[in-house]
N, C-alpha and C. Protein backbone atom coordinates (compact mmCIF):
# COMPACT_ATOMS: atom_id res chain seq x y z
N MET A 1 14.17 32.33 109.74
CA MET A 1 13.04 31.50 110.08
C MET A 1 12.23 31.24 108.82
N ASN A 2 12.13 30.01 108.44
CA ASN A 2 11.45 29.64 107.21
C ASN A 2 10.15 28.92 107.55
N LEU A 3 9.03 29.46 107.10
CA LEU A 3 7.74 28.84 107.35
C LEU A 3 7.35 27.97 106.16
N GLY A 4 7.06 26.72 106.46
CA GLY A 4 6.62 25.80 105.42
C GLY A 4 5.11 25.79 105.32
N PRO A 5 4.58 24.99 104.41
CA PRO A 5 3.13 24.96 104.23
C PRO A 5 2.39 24.43 105.47
N THR A 6 2.98 23.49 106.19
CA THR A 6 2.32 22.95 107.38
C THR A 6 2.18 24.03 108.45
N GLU A 7 3.24 24.81 108.67
CA GLU A 7 3.18 25.87 109.67
C GLU A 7 2.16 26.93 109.29
N LEU A 8 2.11 27.28 108.01
CA LEU A 8 1.15 28.29 107.55
C LEU A 8 -0.29 27.82 107.74
N ILE A 9 -0.54 26.55 107.49
CA ILE A 9 -1.88 26.01 107.69
C ILE A 9 -2.26 26.04 109.16
N ILE A 10 -1.33 25.69 110.03
CA ILE A 10 -1.59 25.72 111.47
C ILE A 10 -1.90 27.15 111.92
N ILE A 11 -1.13 28.12 111.46
CA ILE A 11 -1.36 29.52 111.81
C ILE A 11 -2.72 29.98 111.30
N LEU A 12 -3.06 29.60 110.08
CA LEU A 12 -4.34 29.98 109.50
C LEU A 12 -5.51 29.40 110.30
N VAL A 13 -5.40 28.16 110.74
CA VAL A 13 -6.45 27.53 111.54
C VAL A 13 -6.59 28.25 112.89
N ILE A 14 -5.47 28.59 113.50
CA ILE A 14 -5.52 29.30 114.79
C ILE A 14 -6.19 30.66 114.62
N VAL A 15 -5.84 31.40 113.57
CA VAL A 15 -6.46 32.70 113.32
C VAL A 15 -7.95 32.53 113.06
N LEU A 16 -8.32 31.50 112.32
CA LEU A 16 -9.73 31.25 112.03
C LEU A 16 -10.51 30.96 113.30
N VAL A 17 -9.92 30.19 114.22
CA VAL A 17 -10.59 29.88 115.48
C VAL A 17 -10.70 31.13 116.35
N LEU A 18 -9.63 31.93 116.40
CA LEU A 18 -9.64 33.11 117.26
C LEU A 18 -10.61 34.18 116.78
N PHE A 19 -10.62 34.46 115.49
CA PHE A 19 -11.40 35.58 114.98
C PHE A 19 -12.71 35.17 114.34
N GLY A 20 -12.86 33.94 113.97
CA GLY A 20 -14.09 33.49 113.32
C GLY A 20 -14.08 33.83 111.84
N GLY A 21 -14.84 33.08 111.07
CA GLY A 21 -14.86 33.25 109.62
C GLY A 21 -15.44 34.56 109.17
N ALA A 22 -16.39 35.11 109.93
CA ALA A 22 -17.05 36.35 109.50
C ALA A 22 -16.14 37.56 109.64
N LYS A 23 -15.22 37.53 110.59
CA LYS A 23 -14.38 38.70 110.84
C LYS A 23 -13.08 38.69 110.03
N LEU A 24 -12.74 37.58 109.39
CA LEU A 24 -11.47 37.51 108.65
C LEU A 24 -11.37 38.52 107.51
N PRO A 25 -12.37 38.70 106.67
CA PRO A 25 -12.23 39.72 105.60
C PRO A 25 -12.02 41.13 106.15
N LYS A 26 -12.72 41.45 107.23
CA LYS A 26 -12.57 42.77 107.85
C LYS A 26 -11.16 42.93 108.42
N LEU A 27 -10.65 41.87 109.04
CA LEU A 27 -9.30 41.89 109.61
C LEU A 27 -8.26 42.05 108.50
N ALA A 28 -8.43 41.32 107.41
CA ALA A 28 -7.48 41.41 106.29
C ALA A 28 -7.50 42.81 105.67
N LYS A 29 -8.68 43.40 105.57
CA LYS A 29 -8.79 44.75 105.00
C LYS A 29 -8.08 45.77 105.89
N SER A 30 -8.27 45.66 107.20
CA SER A 30 -7.62 46.62 108.10
C SER A 30 -6.11 46.42 108.11
N LEU A 31 -5.64 45.19 108.00
CA LEU A 31 -4.20 44.95 107.92
C LEU A 31 -3.61 45.54 106.64
N GLY A 32 -4.32 45.40 105.53
CA GLY A 32 -3.87 45.98 104.27
C GLY A 32 -3.81 47.49 104.32
N GLU A 33 -4.83 48.11 104.92
CA GLU A 33 -4.83 49.57 105.05
C GLU A 33 -3.69 50.04 105.94
N ALA A 34 -3.43 49.32 107.02
CA ALA A 34 -2.34 49.69 107.91
C ALA A 34 -0.99 49.57 107.20
N GLN A 35 -0.84 48.54 106.39
CA GLN A 35 0.41 48.37 105.64
C GLN A 35 0.60 49.50 104.64
N ARG A 36 -0.47 49.89 103.95
CA ARG A 36 -0.38 51.00 102.99
C ARG A 36 0.00 52.29 103.69
N GLU A 37 -0.61 52.58 104.83
CA GLU A 37 -0.30 53.80 105.58
C GLU A 37 1.15 53.78 106.06
N PHE A 38 1.63 52.63 106.51
CA PHE A 38 3.01 52.52 106.97
C PHE A 38 3.99 52.79 105.83
N LYS A 39 3.73 52.19 104.66
CA LYS A 39 4.61 52.41 103.51
C LYS A 39 4.58 53.87 103.07
N LYS A 40 3.39 54.47 103.09
CA LYS A 40 3.25 55.88 102.71
C LYS A 40 4.05 56.77 103.66
N GLY A 41 3.94 56.51 104.95
CA GLY A 41 4.70 57.28 105.93
C GLY A 41 6.19 57.08 105.80
N ALA A 42 6.61 55.86 105.51
CA ALA A 42 8.04 55.59 105.34
C ALA A 42 8.58 56.31 104.11
N GLU A 43 7.81 56.32 103.03
CA GLU A 43 8.25 57.02 101.81
C GLU A 43 8.32 58.52 102.04
N GLU A 44 7.34 59.06 102.77
CA GLU A 44 7.34 60.50 103.04
C GLU A 44 8.52 60.91 103.91
N SER A 45 8.83 60.10 104.93
CA SER A 45 9.95 60.46 105.80
C SER A 45 11.27 60.29 105.06
N GLU A 46 11.34 59.32 104.15
CA GLU A 46 12.56 59.13 103.36
C GLU A 46 12.77 60.30 102.40
N SER A 47 11.69 60.75 101.76
CA SER A 47 11.82 61.87 100.84
C SER A 47 12.10 63.16 101.59
N ALA A 48 11.58 63.31 102.79
CA ALA A 48 11.83 64.50 103.59
C ALA A 48 13.29 64.55 104.06
N SER A 49 13.87 63.42 104.36
CA SER A 49 15.25 63.40 104.82
C SER A 49 16.24 63.54 103.66
N ASP A 50 15.78 63.25 102.42
CA ASP A 50 16.64 63.38 101.25
C ASP A 50 16.73 64.82 100.75
N THR A 51 15.70 65.62 101.00
CA THR A 51 15.70 67.00 100.49
C THR A 51 16.47 67.90 101.44
N PRO A 52 17.34 68.77 100.91
CA PRO A 52 18.11 69.66 101.77
C PRO A 52 17.22 70.76 102.35
N SER A 53 17.60 71.24 103.48
CA SER A 53 16.83 72.28 104.14
C SER A 53 17.19 73.63 103.54
N ASP A 54 16.17 74.48 103.32
CA ASP A 54 16.39 75.82 102.78
C ASP A 54 16.68 76.84 103.88
N ALA A 55 16.46 76.48 105.12
CA ALA A 55 16.54 77.43 106.22
C ALA A 55 17.97 77.83 106.54
N GLY A 56 18.90 76.93 106.47
CA GLY A 56 20.28 77.26 106.84
C GLY A 56 20.46 77.26 108.34
N PRO A 57 21.67 77.53 108.84
CA PRO A 57 21.90 77.51 110.27
C PRO A 57 21.24 78.69 110.98
N VAL A 58 20.76 78.45 112.18
CA VAL A 58 20.13 79.49 112.98
C VAL A 58 21.12 79.99 113.99
N SER A 59 21.30 81.32 114.05
CA SER A 59 22.28 81.89 114.98
C SER A 59 21.62 82.50 116.19
């Protein structure tokens, strides 16, 4: 799915109408923070799955 400039403008106008101009910076900030937390969690789970376990098998 390829979004062109016309589609992006339409989406931006819809978001502006739904949330209003005053709330857009706050919304963008929270989306950025959520993205950072998601990437951090993904990196942590990837590094945890790459490291071998020291415990060994439990009998």
